[in-house]
């Protein structure tokens, strides 16, 4: 079983910034992908960003240019830097990792609320 500990959510005004963190209990070198998803009230969970074990990143069109996924191998932690936040970014954000066997694990979720 792999556990993921998330942190960094909170309340912010439009245009503000937050940084989410996710620390898996498995060493980065055993992972193929690290991802962020989000789920807004009444909506399906959607992909936000991903980064591979060799550092190739991808972001959804809705956050491209505003959000950035990154990782710190020395801390075994990956991040989602969120800038220029909009009301529609309000959601529960989940981190996700996939190992080399295709098995996926999820964090507990952290609430991000953008309110004016």
N, C-alpha and C. Protein backbone atom coordinates (compact mmCIF):
# COMPACT_ATOMS: atom_id res chain seq x y z
N UNK A 1 0.83 -1.18 0.00
CA UNK A 1 0.00 0.00 0.00
C UNK A 1 0.88 1.26 0.00
N UNK A 2 0.54 2.19 -0.84
CA UNK A 2 1.28 3.44 -0.93
C UNK A 2 0.40 4.56 -0.39
N UNK A 3 0.92 5.33 0.51
CA UNK A 3 0.20 6.47 1.06
C UNK A 3 0.74 7.76 0.48
N UNK A 4 -0.17 8.70 0.22
CA UNK A 4 0.22 10.00 -0.29
C UNK A 4 -0.30 11.07 0.67
N UNK A 5 0.57 11.92 1.11
CA UNK A 5 0.20 12.99 2.03
C UNK A 5 0.21 14.31 1.28
N UNK A 6 -0.97 14.94 1.23
CA UNK A 6 -1.12 16.21 0.54
C UNK A 6 -1.17 17.36 1.54
N UNK A 7 -0.77 18.52 1.08
CA UNK A 7 -0.91 19.73 1.89
C UNK A 7 -0.91 20.95 0.98
N UNK A 8 -1.32 22.08 1.54
CA UNK A 8 -1.20 23.34 0.81
C UNK A 8 -2.48 23.98 0.33
N UNK A 9 -3.61 23.31 0.49
CA UNK A 9 -4.86 23.92 0.06
C UNK A 9 -5.25 25.07 0.97
N UNK A 10 -6.30 25.78 0.57
CA UNK A 10 -6.76 26.88 1.40
C UNK A 10 -7.69 27.80 0.65
N UNK A 11 -7.89 28.97 1.26
CA UNK A 11 -8.79 29.98 0.72
C UNK A 11 -7.95 31.11 0.14
N UNK A 12 -8.30 31.55 -1.06
CA UNK A 12 -7.53 32.60 -1.70
C UNK A 12 -8.46 33.44 -2.58
N UNK A 13 -8.08 34.68 -2.80
CA UNK A 13 -8.86 35.55 -3.67
C UNK A 13 -8.47 35.35 -5.14
N UNK A 14 -9.34 35.70 -6.05
CA UNK A 14 -8.97 35.60 -7.48
C UNK A 14 -7.68 36.37 -7.75
N UNK A 15 -6.83 35.75 -8.56
CA UNK A 15 -5.53 36.33 -8.85
C UNK A 15 -4.44 35.90 -7.91
N UNK A 16 -4.81 35.24 -6.83
CA UNK A 16 -3.84 34.80 -5.85
C UNK A 16 -3.13 33.51 -6.24
N UNK A 17 -2.28 33.05 -5.34
CA UNK A 17 -1.46 31.87 -5.59
C UNK A 17 -1.51 30.91 -4.42
N UNK A 18 -1.35 29.65 -4.72
CA UNK A 18 -1.20 28.59 -3.72
C UNK A 18 -0.23 27.55 -4.28
N UNK A 19 0.42 26.84 -3.37
CA UNK A 19 1.25 25.72 -3.80
C UNK A 19 0.84 24.47 -3.04
N UNK A 20 0.50 23.44 -3.80
CA UNK A 20 0.14 22.16 -3.22
C UNK A 20 1.36 21.25 -3.21
N UNK A 21 1.42 20.40 -2.19
CA UNK A 21 2.52 19.44 -2.07
C UNK A 21 1.95 18.04 -1.91
N UNK A 22 2.69 17.07 -2.40
CA UNK A 22 2.29 15.67 -2.26
C UNK A 22 3.53 14.83 -2.03
N UNK A 23 3.54 14.08 -0.93
CA UNK A 23 4.67 13.23 -0.59
C UNK A 23 4.21 11.79 -0.53
N UNK A 24 4.62 10.97 -1.49
CA UNK A 24 4.25 9.55 -1.45
C UNK A 24 5.18 8.77 -0.53
N UNK A 25 4.68 7.64 -0.03
CA UNK A 25 5.48 6.79 0.86
C UNK A 25 6.37 5.84 0.07
N UNK A 26 6.39 6.00 -1.25
CA UNK A 26 7.22 5.18 -2.12
C UNK A 26 8.26 6.08 -2.77
N UNK A 27 9.46 5.55 -2.95
CA UNK A 27 10.53 6.34 -3.53
C UNK A 27 10.20 6.72 -4.97
N UNK A 28 10.54 7.95 -5.32
CA UNK A 28 10.27 8.45 -6.67
C UNK A 28 10.78 7.51 -7.76
N UNK A 29 11.85 6.84 -7.52
CA UNK A 29 12.45 6.03 -8.58
C UNK A 29 11.61 4.81 -8.91
N UNK A 30 10.60 4.54 -8.08
CA UNK A 30 9.70 3.42 -8.35
C UNK A 30 8.42 3.89 -9.02
N UNK A 31 8.37 5.16 -9.38
CA UNK A 31 7.18 5.73 -10.00
C UNK A 31 7.41 6.09 -11.46
N UNK A 32 6.38 5.93 -12.27
CA UNK A 32 6.42 6.34 -13.66
C UNK A 32 5.80 7.72 -13.85
N UNK A 33 4.73 7.99 -13.11
CA UNK A 33 4.00 9.26 -13.27
C UNK A 33 3.60 9.82 -11.91
N UNK A 34 3.59 11.14 -11.84
CA UNK A 34 3.02 11.86 -10.70
C UNK A 34 2.03 12.86 -11.29
N UNK A 35 0.84 12.90 -10.75
CA UNK A 35 -0.21 13.70 -11.37
C UNK A 35 -1.00 14.48 -10.32
N UNK A 36 -1.69 15.49 -10.81
CA UNK A 36 -2.69 16.22 -10.03
C UNK A 36 -4.02 16.17 -10.79
N UNK A 37 -5.08 15.93 -10.04
CA UNK A 37 -6.45 15.99 -10.56
C UNK A 37 -7.24 16.93 -9.65
N UNK A 38 -8.41 17.31 -10.12
CA UNK A 38 -9.30 18.10 -9.27
C UNK A 38 -10.74 17.72 -9.55
N UNK A 39 -11.56 17.96 -8.55
CA UNK A 39 -12.99 17.70 -8.68
C UNK A 39 -13.77 18.83 -8.05
N UNK A 40 -14.49 19.54 -8.89
CA UNK A 40 -15.35 20.63 -8.43
C UNK A 40 -16.71 20.07 -8.05
N UNK A 41 -17.44 20.78 -7.20
CA UNK A 41 -18.77 20.30 -6.79
C UNK A 41 -19.68 20.03 -7.99
N UNK A 42 -20.26 18.82 -8.01
CA UNK A 42 -21.18 18.47 -9.07
C UNK A 42 -20.54 18.10 -10.39
N UNK A 43 -19.21 18.03 -10.41
CA UNK A 43 -18.49 17.71 -11.65
C UNK A 43 -17.63 16.48 -11.49
N UNK A 44 -17.23 15.92 -12.62
CA UNK A 44 -16.35 14.76 -12.57
C UNK A 44 -14.92 15.19 -12.28
N UNK A 45 -14.15 14.26 -11.77
CA UNK A 45 -12.74 14.53 -11.52
C UNK A 45 -12.04 14.74 -12.86
N UNK A 46 -11.18 15.76 -12.92
CA UNK A 46 -10.50 16.06 -14.18
C UNK A 46 -9.00 16.16 -13.98
N UNK A 47 -8.29 15.84 -15.02
CA UNK A 47 -6.83 15.91 -15.03
C UNK A 47 -6.38 17.37 -15.00
N UNK A 48 -5.34 17.63 -14.21
CA UNK A 48 -4.77 18.97 -14.14
C UNK A 48 -3.35 19.00 -14.70
N UNK A 49 -2.50 18.13 -14.20
CA UNK A 49 -1.10 18.16 -14.62
C UNK A 49 -0.43 16.84 -14.29
N UNK A 50 0.65 16.56 -15.01
CA UNK A 50 1.43 15.35 -14.74
C UNK A 50 2.90 15.62 -15.00
N UNK A 51 3.73 14.78 -14.38
CA UNK A 51 5.16 14.81 -14.64
C UNK A 51 5.67 13.38 -14.60
N UNK A 52 6.53 13.05 -15.54
CA UNK A 52 7.03 11.68 -15.60
C UNK A 52 8.29 11.51 -14.75
N UNK A 53 8.75 10.28 -14.71
CA UNK A 53 9.95 10.00 -13.92
C UNK A 53 11.21 10.60 -14.55
N UNK A 54 11.11 11.07 -15.80
CA UNK A 54 12.26 11.73 -16.42
C UNK A 54 11.98 13.23 -16.59
N UNK A 55 10.95 13.72 -15.90
CA UNK A 55 10.73 15.15 -15.84
C UNK A 55 9.91 15.78 -16.94
N UNK A 56 9.26 14.97 -17.77
CA UNK A 56 8.41 15.53 -18.82
C UNK A 56 7.06 15.89 -18.21
N UNK A 57 6.65 17.12 -18.38
CA UNK A 57 5.42 17.58 -17.76
C UNK A 57 4.34 17.86 -18.80
N UNK A 58 3.11 17.86 -18.32
CA UNK A 58 1.96 18.15 -19.16
C UNK A 58 0.92 18.84 -18.29
N UNK A 59 0.20 19.77 -18.89
CA UNK A 59 -0.83 20.51 -18.15
C UNK A 59 -2.09 20.59 -19.00
N UNK A 60 -3.24 20.57 -18.35
CA UNK A 60 -4.49 20.72 -19.08
C UNK A 60 -4.58 22.13 -19.66
N UNK A 61 -5.35 22.27 -20.70
CA UNK A 61 -5.49 23.58 -21.35
C UNK A 61 -6.05 24.62 -20.39
N UNK A 62 -6.89 24.19 -19.47
CA UNK A 62 -7.54 25.13 -18.57
C UNK A 62 -6.58 25.77 -17.57
N UNK A 63 -5.44 25.15 -17.35
CA UNK A 63 -4.49 25.70 -16.37
C UNK A 63 -3.14 26.05 -16.99
N UNK A 64 -2.96 25.75 -18.25
CA UNK A 64 -1.67 25.99 -18.91
C UNK A 64 -1.32 27.47 -18.83
N UNK A 65 -0.09 27.73 -18.43
CA UNK A 65 0.36 29.11 -18.29
C UNK A 65 0.11 29.70 -16.92
N UNK A 66 -0.71 29.03 -16.11
CA UNK A 66 -1.01 29.51 -14.77
C UNK A 66 -0.51 28.56 -13.68
N UNK A 67 -0.60 27.27 -13.94
CA UNK A 67 -0.19 26.25 -13.00
C UNK A 67 1.09 25.59 -13.50
N UNK A 68 1.88 25.08 -12.57
CA UNK A 68 3.10 24.37 -12.95
C UNK A 68 3.36 23.23 -11.99
N UNK A 69 3.54 22.04 -12.55
CA UNK A 69 3.89 20.88 -11.74
C UNK A 69 5.40 20.77 -11.68
N UNK A 70 5.91 20.37 -10.54
CA UNK A 70 7.35 20.19 -10.39
C UNK A 70 7.59 19.14 -9.31
N UNK A 71 8.85 18.77 -9.15
CA UNK A 71 9.16 17.78 -8.12
C UNK A 71 10.53 18.08 -7.53
N UNK A 72 10.70 17.61 -6.32
CA UNK A 72 11.98 17.73 -5.62
C UNK A 72 12.39 16.33 -5.22
N UNK A 73 13.32 15.77 -5.96
CA UNK A 73 13.73 14.39 -5.69
C UNK A 73 14.34 14.24 -4.30
N UNK A 74 15.02 15.25 -3.84
CA UNK A 74 15.68 15.16 -2.53
C UNK A 74 14.67 15.08 -1.38
N UNK A 75 13.46 15.59 -1.64
CA UNK A 75 12.40 15.56 -0.61
C UNK A 75 11.34 14.51 -0.93
N UNK A 76 11.51 13.84 -2.05
CA UNK A 76 10.50 12.86 -2.48
C UNK A 76 9.10 13.47 -2.48
N UNK A 77 9.03 14.69 -2.97
CA UNK A 77 7.78 15.45 -2.96
C UNK A 77 7.57 16.11 -4.31
N UNK A 78 6.33 16.15 -4.76
CA UNK A 78 6.03 16.93 -5.95
C UNK A 78 5.00 17.98 -5.62
N UNK A 79 4.92 18.98 -6.49
CA UNK A 79 4.19 20.20 -6.19
C UNK A 79 3.28 20.61 -7.35
N UNK A 80 2.32 21.43 -7.01
CA UNK A 80 1.52 22.12 -8.01
C UNK A 80 1.49 23.59 -7.61
N UNK A 81 2.24 24.40 -8.34
CA UNK A 81 2.22 25.83 -8.12
C UNK A 81 1.06 26.42 -8.91
N UNK A 82 0.17 27.09 -8.23
CA UNK A 82 -1.03 27.63 -8.87
C UNK A 82 -1.02 29.15 -8.75
N UNK A 83 -0.91 29.82 -9.87
CA UNK A 83 -0.90 31.28 -9.93
C UNK A 83 -2.13 31.77 -10.68
N UNK A 84 -2.40 33.04 -10.52
CA UNK A 84 -3.54 33.67 -11.22
C UNK A 84 -4.81 32.85 -11.07
N UNK A 85 -5.08 32.46 -9.84
CA UNK A 85 -6.24 31.59 -9.58
C UNK A 85 -7.54 32.28 -9.94
N UNK A 86 -8.46 31.47 -10.45
CA UNK A 86 -9.78 31.95 -10.86
C UNK A 86 -10.85 31.27 -10.01
N UNK A 87 -12.03 31.86 -10.01
CA UNK A 87 -13.14 31.27 -9.25
C UNK A 87 -13.37 29.83 -9.66
N UNK A 88 -13.22 29.56 -10.96
CA UNK A 88 -13.50 28.22 -11.47
C UNK A 88 -12.42 27.20 -11.13
N UNK A 89 -11.37 27.63 -10.48
CA UNK A 89 -10.35 26.69 -10.00
C UNK A 89 -10.74 26.07 -8.66
N UNK A 90 -11.82 26.54 -8.08
CA UNK A 90 -12.28 25.99 -6.81
C UNK A 90 -12.63 24.51 -6.97
N UNK A 91 -12.00 23.67 -6.15
CA UNK A 91 -12.19 22.22 -6.26
C UNK A 91 -11.41 21.54 -5.14
N UNK A 92 -11.66 20.25 -5.00
CA UNK A 92 -10.77 19.41 -4.20
C UNK A 92 -9.69 18.89 -5.14
N UNK A 93 -8.45 19.10 -4.75
CA UNK A 93 -7.32 18.69 -5.57
C UNK A 93 -6.73 17.39 -5.00
N UNK A 94 -6.49 16.44 -5.89
CA UNK A 94 -5.97 15.14 -5.51
C UNK A 94 -4.64 14.89 -6.21
N UNK A 95 -3.69 14.37 -5.47
CA UNK A 95 -2.47 13.91 -6.13
C UNK A 95 -2.60 12.42 -6.41
N UNK A 96 -1.87 11.98 -7.38
CA UNK A 96 -1.97 10.60 -7.89
C UNK A 96 -0.58 10.18 -8.36
N UNK A 97 -0.23 8.94 -8.08
CA UNK A 97 1.03 8.41 -8.59
C UNK A 97 0.77 7.06 -9.23
N UNK A 98 1.61 6.73 -10.20
CA UNK A 98 1.52 5.45 -10.88
C UNK A 98 2.90 4.80 -10.87
N UNK A 99 2.95 3.54 -10.44
CA UNK A 99 4.25 2.87 -10.41
C UNK A 99 4.54 2.19 -11.75
N UNK A 100 5.65 1.50 -11.81
CA UNK A 100 6.08 0.89 -13.07
C UNK A 100 5.20 -0.28 -13.49
N UNK A 101 4.32 -0.72 -12.59
CA UNK A 101 3.40 -1.82 -12.90
C UNK A 101 2.02 -1.31 -13.31
N UNK A 102 1.89 -0.01 -13.40
CA UNK A 102 0.60 0.57 -13.78
C UNK A 102 -0.38 0.73 -12.63
N UNK A 103 0.04 0.48 -11.43
CA UNK A 103 -0.82 0.63 -10.25
C UNK A 103 -0.84 2.10 -9.84
N UNK A 104 -2.04 2.58 -9.54
CA UNK A 104 -2.21 3.98 -9.18
C UNK A 104 -2.66 4.13 -7.73
N UNK A 105 -2.21 5.21 -7.13
CA UNK A 105 -2.56 5.51 -5.75
C UNK A 105 -2.94 6.98 -5.66
N UNK A 106 -3.85 7.26 -4.69
CA UNK A 106 -4.41 8.60 -4.58
C UNK A 106 -4.17 9.21 -3.20
N UNK A 107 -4.01 10.53 -3.21
CA UNK A 107 -3.98 11.26 -1.95
C UNK A 107 -5.39 11.47 -1.44
N UNK A 108 -5.48 12.06 -0.23
CA UNK A 108 -6.77 12.21 0.42
C UNK A 108 -7.54 13.42 -0.10
N UNK A 109 -6.88 14.29 -0.84
CA UNK A 109 -7.53 15.47 -1.37
C UNK A 109 -7.34 16.67 -0.47
N UNK A 110 -7.19 17.83 -1.08
CA UNK A 110 -7.07 19.07 -0.33
C UNK A 110 -7.94 20.13 -1.01
N UNK A 111 -8.68 20.88 -0.20
CA UNK A 111 -9.63 21.85 -0.73
C UNK A 111 -8.93 23.14 -1.13
N UNK A 112 -9.21 23.59 -2.34
CA UNK A 112 -8.79 24.91 -2.81
C UNK A 112 -10.04 25.71 -3.10
N UNK A 113 -10.19 26.83 -2.42
CA UNK A 113 -11.37 27.67 -2.60
C UNK A 113 -10.92 29.06 -3.03
N UNK A 114 -11.39 29.48 -4.20
CA UNK A 114 -11.08 30.81 -4.71
C UNK A 114 -12.36 31.63 -4.58
N UNK A 115 -12.33 32.63 -3.71
CA UNK A 115 -13.53 33.42 -3.42
C UNK A 115 -13.19 34.90 -3.47
N UNK A 116 -14.15 35.66 -4.00
CA UNK A 116 -13.93 37.12 -4.10
C UNK A 116 -14.49 37.84 -2.87
